[in-house]
Amino acid sequence: MTMAAPAVLGGVPAAEATDRQKIKAIVAASSGNLVEWYDFYAYAFTSIYFASAFFPSSSPTGQLLATAGIFAMGFFMRPLGGWLFGWLADKRGRKLSMMVSVLLMCAGSLMIGLLPTYETIGVMAPVLLLVARLAQGLSVGGEYGTAATYMSEIAGRGRRGFLSSFQYVTLIGGQLLAVLVLFALQHLLTGEELRAWGWRIPFLLGAAGAIVAVLLRGGLEESGSHDTMQRKEAGSLRALLLHKRALLITLAFTMGGSLYFYTMTTYMQKFLVNTMKLDLKSVSTVMTLALIVFMLLQPLFGALSDRIGRRNNMILFSGLAMLGAVPLLSSLSLVASPSAAFALIMVGLVIATFYTSISGVVKAELFPAEVRALGVGLPYAIANALFGGTAEYVALSFKSYGNESLFFWYVAVMAGVAFAASLWMPDTRKYGYLDGNGRMSD
């Protein structure tokens, strides 16, 4: 398979573009990424307040289980989004795909912010909530692969890990922004006001932010080659299936990486409340500080991968996660102070950073340009739906049956799958499609 033409910025190949040109493109691309993930996580962080509005129940755990189920259903739209937007990016351009995805996220977020409650329209309330989450899931399913592809292509040789790490800077920034908005609302409104109407504010803010992202993304240059997009195999599932080794590695990385990431971030909020019995304001403070540090670590670990190689980053992540998940989560379930919880969470997040900082580029390097967005997005979306999106639901289910510790072992086993894939992965500095010779045996 022939190598594709390099991405272009400012009329020159990306490898020859100035740092200012690259940073400008990264910021514009990642602005939409930040809005997408803010909107998506606003649901996770505010569900404690609006669960009773859509799922009347005498059991708080039952209400959280219902909202977690809809959170998981949003993830099951991701494979469709990964295929649809991956095809669009490979066939019609990365820029168009990214603009459509952020508009769809805007629509889903606006819908949640305006939804009537169960008391007003009965069973239609949770049904419409599900519809909005499915739209958001479709959007995010397309956003990840296309944004990862775009940022990897414009980064240029030697600094791909560092520059591409800003995908997770903005992804975590979206989570952090959602937490900060909730934190502010907790201090401005009473608990009753938050449960009555205050939970709607984060969703309406997200819908407004999406408009800004559309404007910024409108100024992006296309990173995909016109010649590549005109090829018959561009965006083709049949062409993608020729890269079996890359597909299996991407699936395995996402199985372990996404499950671990969502356990240490979105589920951790519920874990601190339900298992550790910390109050909601303390939990918001702990998670806000943890996410700030986690976000700032991404470029450092991305730069590390430029020095030691993406394969070694993945070996470190998956090996440490496999060995550390059970003792780390077990220790967290026993501590009672917010400071101790913060320290243990940070240990878990430092381990995660070996993966998150290179999550996009390590997959983009495995696929040729004509199926790159599809190759990154589709297998990621499938594994993310099955293992990342269900993390909260599986954990809460184990807890409801009195076997919460089994979830810790489940996380460790999935990290072990990623570890095996890391050992099987080629050194993309020599055999990757972005910096190497683009040949990998399947």
Protein backbone atom coordinates (compact mmCIF):
# COMPACT_ATOMS: atom_id res chain seq x y z
CA MET A 1 0.00 0.00 0.00
CA THR A 2 1.46 3.36 -0.99
CA MET A 3 2.26 6.01 1.56
CA ALA A 4 -0.08 9.01 1.70
CA ALA A 5 0.91 12.60 1.10
CA PRO A 6 1.86 14.42 4.32
CA ALA A 7 -0.57 16.74 6.09
CA VAL A 8 -0.28 20.41 5.19
CA LEU A 9 -0.39 23.49 7.43
CA GLY A 10 -0.09 27.03 6.13
CA GLY A 11 0.72 25.78 2.64
CA VAL A 12 3.70 23.64 3.75
CA PRO A 13 3.98 20.01 4.95
CA ALA A 14 3.17 19.69 8.65
CA ALA A 15 6.72 18.52 9.35
CA GLU A 16 7.98 21.91 8.11
CA ALA A 17 5.28 24.05 9.75
CA THR A 18 6.23 26.35 12.61
CA ASP A 19 5.38 25.53 16.21
CA ARG A 20 2.94 28.44 16.18
CA GLN A 21 1.05 26.97 13.21
CA LYS A 22 0.89 23.54 14.84
CA ILE A 23 -0.24 24.91 18.20
CA LYS A 24 -2.92 27.03 16.54
CA ALA A 25 -4.28 23.96 14.74
CA ILE A 26 -4.11 21.85 17.91
CA VAL A 27 -6.04 24.48 19.89
CA ALA A 28 -8.74 24.82 17.23
CA ALA A 29 -9.15 21.05 16.91
CA SER A 30 -9.10 20.43 20.64
CA SER A 31 -11.65 23.16 21.42
CA GLY A 32 -14.36 20.94 20.01
CA ASN A 33 -12.89 17.97 21.84
CA LEU A 34 -13.15 19.88 25.13
CA VAL A 35 -16.81 20.78 24.50
CA GLU A 36 -17.67 17.23 23.44
CA TRP A 37 -16.25 15.68 26.58
CA TYR A 38 -17.57 18.41 28.86
CA ASP A 39 -21.08 17.70 27.59
CA PHE A 40 -20.62 13.97 27.88
CA TYR A 41 -19.29 14.07 31.44
CA ALA A 42 -21.77 16.69 32.64
CA TYR A 43 -24.23 13.79 32.70
CA ALA A 44 -21.95 11.59 34.80
CA PHE A 45 -21.18 14.26 37.37
CA THR A 46 -24.72 15.66 37.74
CA SER A 47 -26.61 12.35 37.71
CA ILE A 48 -26.55 12.25 41.52
CA TYR A 49 -28.84 15.29 41.46
CA PHE A 50 -31.21 14.49 38.60
CA ALA A 51 -31.59 10.71 39.07
CA SER A 52 -34.76 11.12 41.13
CA ALA A 53 -36.29 13.45 38.51
CA PHE A 54 -36.28 10.70 35.89
CA PHE A 55 -36.27 7.47 37.94
CA PRO A 56 -38.50 7.64 41.03
CA SER A 57 -37.31 5.00 43.49
CA SER A 58 -36.97 4.44 47.21
CA SER A 59 -33.36 3.28 46.74
CA PRO A 60 -30.65 5.88 45.94
CA THR A 61 -28.43 3.08 44.63
CA GLY A 62 -31.28 1.94 42.35
CA GLN A 63 -31.64 5.45 40.93
CA LEU A 64 -27.88 5.68 40.31
CA LEU A 65 -27.98 2.25 38.70
CA ALA A 66 -30.68 3.43 36.29
CA THR A 67 -28.79 6.59 35.31
CA ALA A 68 -25.58 4.58 34.97
CA GLY A 69 -27.46 2.22 32.65
CA ILE A 70 -28.40 5.11 30.36
CA PHE A 71 -24.81 6.39 30.60
CA ALA A 72 -23.70 2.96 29.38
CA MET A 73 -26.30 2.95 26.58
CA GLY A 74 -24.75 6.16 25.27
CA PHE A 75 -21.52 4.24 24.89
CA PHE A 76 -23.22 1.59 22.77
CA MET A 77 -23.88 4.22 20.10
CA ARG A 78 -20.15 4.81 19.87
CA PRO A 79 -19.41 1.97 17.43
CA LEU A 80 -21.97 3.39 15.01
CA GLY A 81 -20.44 6.83 15.51
CA GLY A 82 -16.93 5.43 15.08
CA TRP A 83 -17.93 3.83 11.77
CA LEU A 84 -20.02 6.74 10.45
CA PHE A 85 -17.66 9.56 11.34
CA GLY A 86 -14.57 7.46 10.56
CA TRP A 87 -15.90 6.87 7.05
CA LEU A 88 -16.76 10.56 6.73
CA ALA A 89 -13.26 11.62 7.88
CA ASP A 90 -11.42 9.19 5.59
CA LYS A 91 -13.66 9.84 2.58
CA ARG A 92 -14.71 13.49 2.93
CA GLY A 93 -12.17 14.98 5.30
CA ARG A 94 -11.21 15.20 8.99
CA LYS A 95 -12.46 18.81 9.27
CA LEU A 96 -16.02 18.08 8.09
CA SER A 97 -16.29 15.07 10.38
CA MET A 98 -15.19 17.07 13.43
CA MET A 99 -17.64 19.89 12.74
CA VAL A 100 -20.64 17.57 12.32
CA SER A 101 -19.79 15.64 15.50
CA VAL A 102 -19.68 18.73 17.71
CA LEU A 103 -23.01 19.98 16.32
CA LEU A 104 -24.63 16.65 17.18
CA MET A 105 -23.25 16.84 20.72
CA CYS A 106 -24.73 20.34 21.02
CA ALA A 107 -28.17 19.03 20.08
CA GLY A 108 -28.04 16.20 22.64
CA SER A 109 -26.88 18.46 25.45
CA LEU A 110 -29.53 21.10 24.71
CA MET A 111 -32.20 18.40 24.72
CA ILE A 112 -31.18 17.14 28.20
CA GLY A 113 -31.09 20.69 29.55
CA LEU A 114 -34.69 21.30 28.48
CA LEU A 115 -36.25 17.89 29.23
CA PRO A 116 -39.44 17.67 31.35
CA THR A 117 -39.22 15.34 34.36
CA TYR A 118 -40.99 12.06 35.15
CA GLU A 119 -43.50 13.94 37.27
CA THR A 120 -44.49 16.03 34.22
CA ILE A 121 -44.60 13.53 31.33
CA GLY A 122 -44.22 10.15 33.00
CA VAL A 123 -42.29 7.37 31.32
CA MET A 124 -41.49 9.57 28.32
CA ALA A 125 -38.99 11.48 30.49
CA PRO A 126 -36.45 8.64 30.79
CA VAL A 127 -37.16 7.63 27.17
CA LEU A 128 -36.25 11.10 25.90
CA LEU A 129 -33.24 11.18 28.22
CA LEU A 130 -32.09 7.97 26.55
CA VAL A 131 -32.59 9.47 23.07
CA ALA A 132 -30.43 12.48 24.00
CA ARG A 133 -27.72 10.24 25.40
CA LEU A 134 -27.75 8.11 22.26
CA ALA A 135 -27.16 11.24 20.17
CA GLN A 136 -24.27 12.22 22.43
CA GLY A 137 -22.84 8.72 22.24
CA LEU A 138 -22.98 8.79 18.43
CA SER A 139 -21.17 12.14 18.47
CA VAL A 140 -18.40 11.10 20.86
CA GLY A 141 -17.94 7.84 18.96
CA GLY A 142 -16.95 9.88 15.94
CA GLU A 143 -15.05 12.61 17.75
CA TYR A 144 -12.33 10.44 19.27
CA GLY A 145 -11.05 8.75 16.12
CA THR A 146 -11.23 11.83 13.93
CA ALA A 147 -9.61 14.18 16.46
CA ALA A 148 -6.87 11.64 17.22
CA THR A 149 -6.18 11.22 13.51
CA TYR A 150 -6.11 14.96 12.82
CA MET A 151 -3.83 15.80 15.76
CA SER A 152 -1.46 12.94 14.98
CA GLU A 153 -1.16 13.93 11.33
CA ILE A 154 -0.38 17.60 11.94
CA ALA A 155 2.02 17.03 14.87
CA GLY A 156 5.05 16.10 12.77
CA ARG A 157 7.84 13.66 13.41
CA GLY A 158 9.63 13.67 16.76
CA ARG A 159 6.92 15.52 18.71
CA ARG A 160 3.81 13.48 17.97
CA GLY A 161 3.51 12.19 21.52
CA PHE A 162 3.82 15.65 23.06
CA LEU A 163 1.44 17.47 20.70
CA SER A 164 -1.06 14.62 20.40
CA SER A 165 -1.29 14.43 24.19
CA PHE A 166 -3.41 17.57 24.08
CA GLN A 167 -6.31 15.40 22.98
CA TYR A 168 -6.48 14.04 26.52
CA VAL A 169 -5.60 17.44 27.98
CA THR A 170 -8.88 18.67 26.52
CA LEU A 171 -10.70 15.41 27.24
CA ILE A 172 -9.70 15.66 30.90
CA GLY A 173 -10.28 19.41 30.67
CA GLY A 174 -13.85 18.64 29.66
CA GLN A 175 -14.24 16.43 32.72
CA LEU A 176 -12.60 19.07 34.88
CA LEU A 177 -14.82 21.81 33.51
CA ALA A 178 -17.88 19.68 34.27
CA VAL A 179 -16.63 19.17 37.84
CA LEU A 180 -15.82 22.88 38.26
CA VAL A 181 -19.28 23.92 37.05
CA LEU A 182 -20.86 21.46 39.49
CA PHE A 183 -18.52 22.67 42.25
CA ALA A 184 -19.59 26.27 41.64
CA LEU A 185 -23.27 25.33 41.59
CA GLN A 186 -22.90 23.43 44.86
CA HIS A 187 -21.67 26.64 46.49
CA LEU A 188 -24.21 28.94 44.83
CA LEU A 189 -27.33 26.80 45.15
CA THR A 190 -28.87 24.66 47.85
CA GLY A 191 -29.18 20.92 47.48
CA GLU A 192 -32.92 21.30 46.87
CA GLU A 193 -32.34 23.88 44.13
CA LEU A 194 -29.78 21.63 42.43
CA ARG A 195 -32.21 18.72 42.41
CA ALA A 196 -35.12 20.88 41.27
CA TRP A 197 -33.52 22.81 38.36
CA GLY A 198 -29.84 23.59 38.97
CA TRP A 199 -28.65 20.36 37.32
CA ARG A 200 -29.88 21.73 33.96
CA ILE A 201 -27.37 24.60 33.88
CA PRO A 202 -24.27 22.51 32.91
CA PHE A 203 -26.07 21.09 29.87
CA LEU A 204 -27.23 24.49 28.62
CA LEU A 205 -23.71 25.89 29.04
CA GLY A 206 -22.33 22.97 27.02
CA ALA A 207 -24.75 23.60 24.16
CA ALA A 208 -23.62 27.24 24.01
CA GLY A 209 -19.94 26.24 24.08
CA ALA A 210 -20.43 23.98 21.07
CA ILE A 211 -21.26 26.99 18.90
CA VAL A 212 -17.89 28.53 19.76
CA ALA A 213 -16.16 25.25 18.89
CA VAL A 214 -17.85 25.14 15.49
CA LEU A 215 -16.54 28.61 14.70
CA LEU A 216 -12.99 27.68 15.73
CA ARG A 217 -13.01 24.42 13.81
CA GLY A 218 -14.26 26.24 10.74
CA GLY A 219 -10.79 27.78 10.40
CA LEU A 220 -8.91 24.47 10.39
CA GLU A 221 -6.93 23.24 7.40
CA GLU A 222 -7.67 19.72 6.19
CA SER A 223 -4.98 17.24 7.25
CA GLY A 224 -6.14 14.46 4.94
CA SER A 225 -4.77 14.18 1.41
CA HIS A 226 -7.25 14.72 -1.46
CA ASP A 227 -5.60 11.90 -3.41
CA THR A 228 -5.93 9.54 -0.44
CA MET A 229 -9.61 10.38 0.06
CA GLN A 230 -10.29 9.62 -3.62
CA ARG A 231 -9.00 6.05 -3.32
CA LYS A 232 -11.56 3.27 -3.54
CA GLU A 233 -10.45 1.81 -0.21
CA ALA A 234 -10.77 5.12 1.70
CA GLY A 235 -13.06 4.61 4.69
CA SER A 236 -13.78 1.02 3.64
CA LEU A 237 -14.45 -1.68 6.23
CA ARG A 238 -13.06 -4.26 3.83
CA ALA A 239 -9.78 -2.34 3.57
CA LEU A 240 -9.70 -1.91 7.34
CA LEU A 241 -10.02 -5.66 7.91
CA LEU A 242 -6.72 -6.18 6.06
CA HIS A 243 -5.02 -4.74 9.19
CA LYS A 244 -5.99 -7.46 11.65
CA ARG A 245 -3.02 -7.06 13.97
CA ALA A 246 -3.57 -3.32 14.31
CA LEU A 247 -7.30 -3.87 14.95
CA LEU A 248 -6.70 -6.44 17.69
CA ILE A 249 -4.06 -4.29 19.37
CA THR A 250 -6.37 -1.26 19.32
CA LEU A 251 -9.22 -3.33 20.78
CA ALA A 252 -7.01 -4.70 23.55
CA PHE A 253 -5.54 -1.31 24.44
CA THR A 254 -9.01 0.18 24.69
CA MET A 255 -10.40 -2.71 26.75
CA GLY A 256 -7.82 -2.22 29.48
CA GLY A 257 -7.19 1.50 29.07
CA SER A 258 -10.79 2.69 28.95
CA LEU A 259 -11.97 0.50 31.81
CA TYR A 260 -9.09 1.70 34.00
CA PHE A 261 -9.57 5.34 32.97
CA TYR A 262 -13.33 5.42 33.65
CA THR A 263 -12.84 3.58 36.94
CA MET A 264 -10.37 6.19 38.16
CA THR A 265 -12.37 9.19 36.91
CA THR A 266 -16.14 9.01 36.35
CA TYR A 267 -16.90 6.02 38.58
CA MET A 268 -14.56 7.27 41.29
CA GLN A 269 -17.03 10.01 42.22
CA LYS A 270 -19.71 7.41 43.00
CA PHE A 271 -17.14 5.17 44.69
CA LEU A 272 -16.11 7.94 47.10
CA VAL A 273 -19.75 8.64 47.97
CA ASN A 274 -21.20 5.12 48.10
CA THR A 275 -18.25 3.13 49.45
CA MET A 276 -16.10 5.67 51.34
CA LYS A 277 -19.14 7.68 52.54
CA LEU A 278 -17.53 11.06 51.83
CA ASP A 279 -19.87 14.04 51.49
CA LEU A 280 -20.57 15.39 48.00
CA LYS A 281 -18.63 18.63 48.43
CA SER A 282 -15.51 16.79 49.65
CA VAL A 283 -15.77 14.42 46.70
CA SER A 284 -16.01 17.32 44.24
CA THR A 285 -12.95 18.96 45.82
CA VAL A 286 -10.88 15.77 45.69
CA MET A 287 -11.81 15.00 42.08
CA THR A 288 -11.25 18.59 40.96
CA LEU A 289 -7.71 18.69 42.35
CA ALA A 290 -6.94 15.21 41.02
CA LEU A 291 -8.13 16.05 37.52
CA ILE A 292 -6.09 19.28 37.44
CA VAL A 293 -2.88 17.39 38.20
CA PHE A 294 -3.85 14.58 35.82
CA MET A 295 -4.43 17.05 33.00
CA LEU A 296 -1.08 18.78 33.52
CA LEU A 297 0.76 15.44 33.40
CA GLN A 298 -0.40 14.58 29.87
CA PRO A 299 2.18 16.58 27.84
CA LEU A 300 5.03 15.34 30.05
CA PHE A 301 4.17 11.70 29.51
CA GLY A 302 3.45 12.34 25.82
CA ALA A 303 6.94 13.81 25.48
CA LEU A 304 8.31 10.78 27.32
CA SER A 305 6.81 8.54 24.63
CA ASP A 306 8.69 10.53 21.97
CA ARG A 307 11.89 9.49 23.75
CA ILE A 308 11.21 5.88 24.76
CA GLY A 309 8.61 4.90 22.15
CA ARG A 310 4.88 4.36 22.37
CA ARG A 311 5.31 0.61 22.92
CA ASN A 312 7.28 1.15 26.13
CA ASN A 313 4.69 3.62 27.41
CA MET A 314 2.00 0.99 26.92
CA ILE A 315 4.04 -1.73 28.63
CA LEU A 316 4.50 0.54 31.65
CA PHE A 317 0.81 1.47 31.82
CA SER A 318 -0.65 -1.99 31.40
CA GLY A 319 1.91 -3.72 33.63
CA LEU A 320 1.46 -1.26 36.50
CA ALA A 321 -2.34 -1.25 36.12
CA MET A 322 -2.47 -5.04 36.09
CA LEU A 323 -0.41 -5.31 39.28
CA GLY A 324 -1.77 -2.25 41.05
CA ALA A 325 -5.54 -2.22 40.42
CA VAL A 326 -6.56 -4.61 43.22
CA PRO A 327 -4.35 -3.23 46.03
CA LEU A 328 -5.06 0.36 44.99
CA LEU A 329 -8.86 0.08 44.86
CA SER A 330 -8.91 -2.10 47.99
CA SER A 331 -6.92 0.53 49.87
CA LEU A 332 -9.25 3.27 48.65
CA SER A 333 -12.28 1.41 50.00
CA LEU A 334 -10.76 1.44 53.48
CA VAL A 335 -9.57 5.05 53.89
CA ALA A 336 -11.81 7.64 55.51
CA SER A 337 -10.12 11.00 54.89
CA PRO A 338 -10.27 13.12 51.71
CA SER A 339 -6.50 13.67 51.74
CA ALA A 340 -5.76 9.95 51.82
CA ALA A 341 -8.27 9.39 49.04
CA PHE A 342 -6.61 12.10 46.94
CA ALA A 343 -3.16 10.52 47.38
CA LEU A 344 -4.35 7.07 46.32
CA ILE A 345 -6.36 8.42 43.38
CA MET A 346 -3.27 10.28 42.16
CA VAL A 347 -1.25 7.05 42.20
CA GLY A 348 -3.91 5.49 40.00
CA LEU A 349 -4.03 8.48 37.66
CA VAL A 350 -0.24 8.63 37.24
CA ILE A 351 -0.39 5.02 36.06
CA ALA A 352 -3.23 5.94 33.68
CA THR A 353 -1.18 8.79 32.20
CA PHE A 354 1.22 6.39 30.49
CA TYR A 355 -1.80 5.40 28.35
CA THR A 356 -3.98 8.50 28.15
CA SER A 357 -1.16 10.78 26.96
CA ILE A 358 -0.69 8.65 23.84
CA SER A 359 -4.11 7.04 23.52
CA GLY A 360 -4.79 8.58 20.11
CA VAL A 361 -1.37 8.63 18.47
CA VAL A 362 -0.46 5.05 19.47
CA LYS A 363 -3.47 3.85 17.47
CA ALA A 364 -3.10 6.32 14.59
CA GLU A 365 0.42 5.02 13.96
CA LEU A 366 -0.95 1.53 13.35
CA PHE A 367 -3.11 2.40 10.31
CA PRO A 368 -2.49 3.89 6.83
CA ALA A 369 -4.08 7.25 5.98
CA GLU A 370 -6.98 5.91 3.89
CA VAL A 371 -8.47 4.00 6.84
CA ARG A 372 -6.80 5.81 9.74
CA ALA A 373 -9.80 7.64 11.23
CA LEU A 374 -11.94 4.52 10.82
CA GLY A 375 -9.18 2.29 12.21
CA VAL A 376 -8.68 4.46 15.28
CA GLY A 377 -12.35 5.24 15.88
CA LEU A 378 -14.28 2.00 15.24
CA PRO A 379 -12.35 -0.59 17.31
CA TYR A 380 -11.88 2.02 20.03
CA ALA A 381 -15.63 2.70 20.10
CA ILE A 382 -16.50 -1.01 20.25
CA ALA A 383 -14.16 -1.78 23.14
CA ASN A 384 -14.97 1.48 24.88
CA ALA A 385 -18.68 0.67 24.78
CA LEU A 386 -18.18 -2.85 26.12
CA PHE A 387 -15.65 -2.05 28.84
CA GLY A 388 -15.36 1.71 29.45
CA GLY A 389 -19.03 2.66 29.22
CA THR A 390 -20.14 -0.23 31.40
CA ALA A 391 -17.55 0.41 34.15
CA GLU A 392 -20.00 2.20 36.46
CA TYR A 393 -22.83 -0.25 35.79
CA VAL A 394 -20.65 -3.32 36.40
CA ALA A 395 -19.13 -1.81 39.55
CA LEU A 396 -22.52 -0.81 40.99
CA SER A 397 -23.94 -4.23 40.11
CA PHE A 398 -21.13 -6.00 42.00
CA LYS A 399 -21.73 -3.65 44.91
CA SER A 400 -25.48 -4.29 44.94
CA TYR A 401 -24.75 -8.03 45.23
CA GLY A 402 -22.22 -7.48 48.02
CA ASN A 403 -19.14 -8.44 45.92
CA GLU A 404 -17.57 -5.08 45.13
CA SER A 405 -14.03 -6.47 45.37
CA LEU A 406 -14.66 -8.66 42.31
CA PHE A 407 -14.78 -5.47 40.24
CA PHE A 408 -11.20 -4.69 41.29
CA TRP A 409 -10.06 -8.02 39.86
CA TYR A 410 -12.03 -7.39 36.69
CA VAL A 411 -10.06 -4.16 36.14
CA ALA A 412 -6.78 -6.01 36.73
CA VAL A 413 -7.63 -8.77 34.23
CA MET A 414 -8.51 -6.27 31.49
CA ALA A 415 -5.24 -4.44 32.14
CA GLY A 416 -3.56 -7.82 31.65
CA VAL A 417 -5.15 -8.07 28.19
CA ALA A 418 -3.65 -4.66 27.33
CA PHE A 419 -0.29 -5.85 28.66
CA ALA A 420 -0.29 -8.82 26.31
CA ALA A 421 -1.13 -6.51 23.39
CA SER A 422 1.71 -4.17 24.40
CA LEU A 423 4.21 -7.01 24.09
CA TRP A 424 2.76 -7.90 20.67
CA MET A 425 2.80 -4.33 19.44
CA PRO A 426 5.58 -3.35 16.98
CA ASP A 427 7.91 -0.42 17.60
CA THR A 428 6.03 2.26 15.65
CA ARG A 429 9.19 4.36 15.36
CA LYS A 430 10.32 1.77 12.82
CA TYR A 431 7.11 0.11 11.68
CA GLY A 432 4.41 2.77 12.11
CA TYR A 433 2.51 4.48 9.30
CA LEU A 434 3.27 8.00 10.53
CA ASP A 435 7.00 7.89 11.29
CA GLY A 436 8.14 4.41 10.23
CA ASN A 437 8.03 2.50 6.95
CA GLY A 438 4.35 1.64 7.26
CA ARG A 439 4.78 -2.12 7.17
CA MET A 440 3.43 -4.38 9.88
CA SER A 441 2.92 -8.10 9.57
CA ASP A 442 -0.51 -9.35 10.57
